[in-house]
Each structure stands twice: as structure tokens, then as C-alpha cells.
C-alpha atoms as a PDB file:
ATOM      1  CA  MET A   1      -0.004   0.005  -0.004  1.00  0.00           C
ATOM      2  CA  LEU A   2       2.741   2.517   0.919  1.00  0.00           C
ATOM      3  CA  GLN A   3       5.296   1.228  -1.574  1.00  0.00           C
ATOM      4  CA  GLY A   4       5.310   4.307  -3.857  1.00  0.00           C
ATOM      5  CA  LEU A   5       5.553   6.884  -1.071  1.00  0.00           C
ATOM      6  CA  THR A   6       8.878   8.056   0.246  1.00  0.00           C
ATOM      7  CA  GLY A   7       9.641   8.513   3.918  1.00  0.00           C
ATOM      8  CA  PHE A   8       9.586  12.303   3.600  1.00  0.00           C
ATOM      9  CA  THR A   9       6.075  12.281   2.127  1.00  0.00           C
ATOM     10  CA  ILE A  10       4.766  10.003   4.870  1.00  0.00           C
ATOM     11  CA  VAL A  11       6.275  12.147   7.620  1.00  0.00           C
ATOM     12  CA  THR A  12       4.924  15.372   6.048  1.00  0.00           C
ATOM     13  CA  VAL A  13       1.393  14.051   5.703  1.00  0.00           C
ATOM     14  CA  LEU A  14       1.470  12.577   9.197  1.00  0.00           C
ATOM     15  CA  SER A  15       2.723  15.888  10.657  1.00  0.00           C
ATOM     16  CA  ILE A  16      -0.009  17.897   8.926  1.00  0.00           C
ATOM     17  CA  PHE A  17      -2.654  15.423  10.146  1.00  0.00           C
ATOM     18  CA  ILE A  18      -1.426  15.652  13.748  1.00  0.00           C
ATOM     19  CA  ALA A  19      -1.320  19.472  13.589  1.00  0.00           C
ATOM     20  CA  LEU A  20      -4.900  19.620  12.291  1.00  0.00           C
ATOM     21  CA  MET A  21      -6.040  17.246  15.037  1.00  0.00           C
ATOM     22  CA  ILE A  22      -4.423  19.437  17.709  1.00  0.00           C
ATOM     23  CA  ILE A  23      -6.149  22.535  16.258  1.00  0.00           C
ATOM     24  CA  ALA A  24      -9.548  20.758  16.181  1.00  0.00           C
ATOM     25  CA  VAL A  25      -9.251  19.547  19.772  1.00  0.00           C
ATOM     26  CA  GLY A  26      -8.105  22.992  20.889  1.00  0.00           C
ATOM     27  CA  ARG A  27     -11.140  24.655  19.336  1.00  0.00           C
ATOM     28  CA  ASP A  28     -13.471  22.244  21.081  1.00  0.00           C
ATOM     29  CA  ILE A  29     -12.012  22.625  24.583  1.00  0.00           C
ATOM     30  CA  ALA A  30     -11.142  26.347  24.434  1.00  0.00           C
ATOM     31  CA  ALA A  31     -13.050  28.770  26.641  1.00  0.00           C
ATOM     32  CA  LYS A  32     -15.737  30.641  24.770  1.00  0.00           C
ATOM     33  CA  GLY A  33     -16.329  34.310  25.604  1.00  0.00           C
ATOM     34  CA  GLU A  34     -19.571  36.218  25.257  1.00  0.00           C
ATOM     35  CA  ASP A  35     -19.864  39.240  22.996  1.00  0.00           C
ATOM     36  CA  THR A  36     -20.937  42.039  25.337  1.00  0.00           C
ATOM     37  CA  PRO A  37     -21.546  45.671  24.295  1.00  0.00           C
ATOM     38  CA  GLY A  38     -18.449  46.776  26.162  1.00  0.00           C
ATOM     39  CA  LYS A  39     -16.368  44.178  24.357  1.00  0.00           C
ATOM     40  CA  LEU A  40     -17.641  45.228  20.945  1.00  0.00           C
ATOM     41  CA  ALA A  41     -17.213  48.999  21.565  1.00  0.00           C
ATOM     42  CA  PRO A  42     -14.133  50.714  20.062  1.00  0.00           C
ATOM     43  CA  TYR A  43     -11.476  51.828  22.524  1.00  0.00           C
ATOM     44  CA  ALA A  44      -7.997  53.295  22.660  1.00  0.00           C
ATOM     45  CA  CYS A  45      -5.963  51.987  25.596  1.00  0.00           C
ATOM     46  CA  GLY A  46      -9.077  51.723  27.730  1.00  0.00           C
ATOM     47  CA  GLU A  47     -10.033  55.389  27.255  1.00  0.00           C
ATOM     48  CA  ASP A  48     -12.924  56.881  25.312  1.00  0.00           C
ATOM     49  CA  ILE A  49     -12.113  57.993  21.781  1.00  0.00           C
ATOM     50  CA  PRO A  50     -12.127  61.810  21.591  1.00  0.00           C
ATOM     51  CA  SER A  51     -14.670  63.223  19.189  1.00  0.00           C
ATOM     52  CA  GLU A  52     -12.609  66.320  18.267  1.00  0.00           C
ATOM     53  CA  PRO A  53      -9.729  65.950  15.784  1.00  0.00           C
ATOM     54  CA  LEU A  54      -6.223  65.612  17.107  1.00  0.00           C
ATOM     55  CA  MET A  55      -4.121  68.769  16.752  1.00  0.00           C
ATOM     56  CA  VAL A  56      -0.533  68.099  15.744  1.00  0.00           C
ATOM     57  CA  ASN A  57       2.278  70.561  16.474  1.00  0.00           C
ATOM     58  CA  VAL A  58       3.865  70.803  13.046  1.00  0.00           C
ATOM     59  CA  GLU A  59       6.159  73.692  14.025  1.00  0.00           C
ATOM     60  CA  GLY A  60       7.951  71.606  16.654  1.00  0.00           C
ATOM     61  CA  PHE A  61       8.500  68.802  14.155  1.00  0.00           C
ATOM     62  CA  PHE A  62       9.790  71.311  11.605  1.00  0.00           C
ATOM     63  CA  ILE A  63      12.471  72.564  14.027  1.00  0.00           C
ATOM     64  CA  TYR A  64      13.718  69.015  14.616  1.00  0.00           C
ATOM     65  CA  ALA A  65      13.686  68.345  10.867  1.00  0.00           C
ATOM     66  CA  VAL A  66      15.768  71.461  10.213  1.00  0.00           C
ATOM     67  CA  TYR A  67      18.291  70.534  12.906  1.00  0.00           C
ATOM     68  CA  PHE A  68      18.526  67.021  11.479  1.00  0.00           C
ATOM     69  CA  MET A  69      19.174  68.358   7.990  1.00  0.00           C
ATOM     70  CA  ILE A  70      21.839  70.784   9.208  1.00  0.00           C
ATOM     71  CA  PHE A  71      23.754  68.123  11.111  1.00  0.00           C
ATOM     72  CA  ASP A  72      23.253  65.546   8.359  1.00  0.00           C
ATOM     73  CA  ILE A  73      24.687  67.868   5.724  1.00  0.00           C
ATOM     74  CA  LEU A  74      27.502  68.902   8.069  1.00  0.00           C
ATOM     75  CA  ALA A  75      28.410  65.243   8.695  1.00  0.00           C
ATOM     76  CA  PHE A  76      28.380  64.533   4.942  1.00  0.00           C
ATOM     77  CA  VAL A  77      30.590  67.545   4.173  1.00  0.00           C
ATOM     78  CA  LEU A  78      33.056  66.653   6.932  1.00  0.00           C
ATOM     79  CA  ALA A  79      33.195  63.001   5.897  1.00  0.00           C
ATOM     80  CA  THR A  80      33.883  63.841   2.271  1.00  0.00           C
ATOM     81  CA  THR A  81      36.419  66.615   2.926  1.00  0.00           C
ATOM     82  CA  ILE A  82      38.397  64.758   5.583  1.00  0.00           C
ATOM     83  CA  ALA A  83      38.662  61.830   3.195  1.00  0.00           C
ATOM     84  CA  ASN A  84      40.522  64.137   0.824  1.00  0.00           C
ATOM     85  CA  ARG A  85      43.824  64.737   2.654  1.00  0.00           C
ATOM     86  CA  ARG A  86      44.873  67.691   0.543  1.00  0.00           C
ATOM     87  CA  MET A  87      41.995  69.842   1.725  1.00  0.00           C
ATOM     88  CA  TYR A  88      42.950  69.660   5.455  1.00  0.00           C
ATOM     89  CA  SER A  89      46.584  68.668   5.231  1.00  0.00           C
ATOM     90  CA  SER A  90      48.230  70.738   7.965  1.00  0.00           C
ATOM     91  CA  PRO A  91      46.017  70.025  11.022  1.00  0.00           C
ATOM     92  CA  PHE A  92      45.651  66.298  10.354  1.00  0.00           C
ATOM     93  CA  SER A  93      49.029  65.230   9.023  1.00  0.00           C
ATOM     94  CA  SER A  94      52.330  64.692  10.777  1.00  0.00           C
ATOM     95  CA  PRO A  95      55.361  66.984  10.096  1.00  0.00           C
ATOM     96  CA  GLY A  96      57.124  64.244   8.157  1.00  0.00           C
ATOM     97  CA  HIS A  97      54.170  63.573   5.854  1.00  0.00           C
ATOM     98  CA  PRO A  98      54.659  64.736   2.258  1.00  0.00           C
ATOM     99  CA  CYS A  99      51.384  66.666   2.273  1.00  0.00           C
ATOM    100  CA  SER A 100      52.371  68.762   5.319  1.00  0.00           C
ATOM    101  CA  ARG A 101      54.533  71.016   3.140  1.00  0.00           C
ATOM    102  CA  SER A 102      52.972  73.993   1.456  1.00  0.00           C
ATOM    103  CA  SER A 103      53.798  72.618  -2.020  1.00  0.00           C
ATOM    104  CA  CYS A 104      51.280  69.774  -1.653  1.00  0.00           C
END
């Protein structure tokens, strides 16, 4: 009867069957709750939902966005200019380095 089936196929089908049986038994013995009006009502963290629209402080967000852009651009400029040794040769190079001379 099972001559054409491989071991992997038998194990897979048996595993799926056992999983479905566990789900069926779990549904039968699980506790059932009643749908009460309080349970069906919408809520936000246990508080009533406000009827007025939420006011967002856009100006405060704009200040943080501007600061982020300033520091982001500053970091990009510093990263790209420090990578080029000729641009800041004297403060970052040693006296024996060829780029520490003014001819570099």
C-alpha cells in the first residue's frame, strides 16, 4: 500500500494530520467568551475615543527636521572633505608627511 511513497512524504502528511487534530481539539475545549456591548465597543488603551480631531504641532516637528538636515549635511561635508587629505593637510598630518609642506 505505501510502496510508492517516500519517507519524507509520509512524515509530512502525518505531521499535517497531527497538527490539524491538535487545532480541532483545541477549538473544542477552548473557553468561549460572550460578545458584550463593552467588548464590541471601540477603545484606545481603555479610554474613550475623543470626538474632536487631534491637533498636531507641526512647528515643533519642523524645528527638529531642520536641525537634522543641518547636522546631516555637516556630517556629509566633513566626511567627504576629511577623506581628501589635501584639503585639510596641515592640522591632520604629521610633520614628516609629504602633504604637510605647502607645495602639496
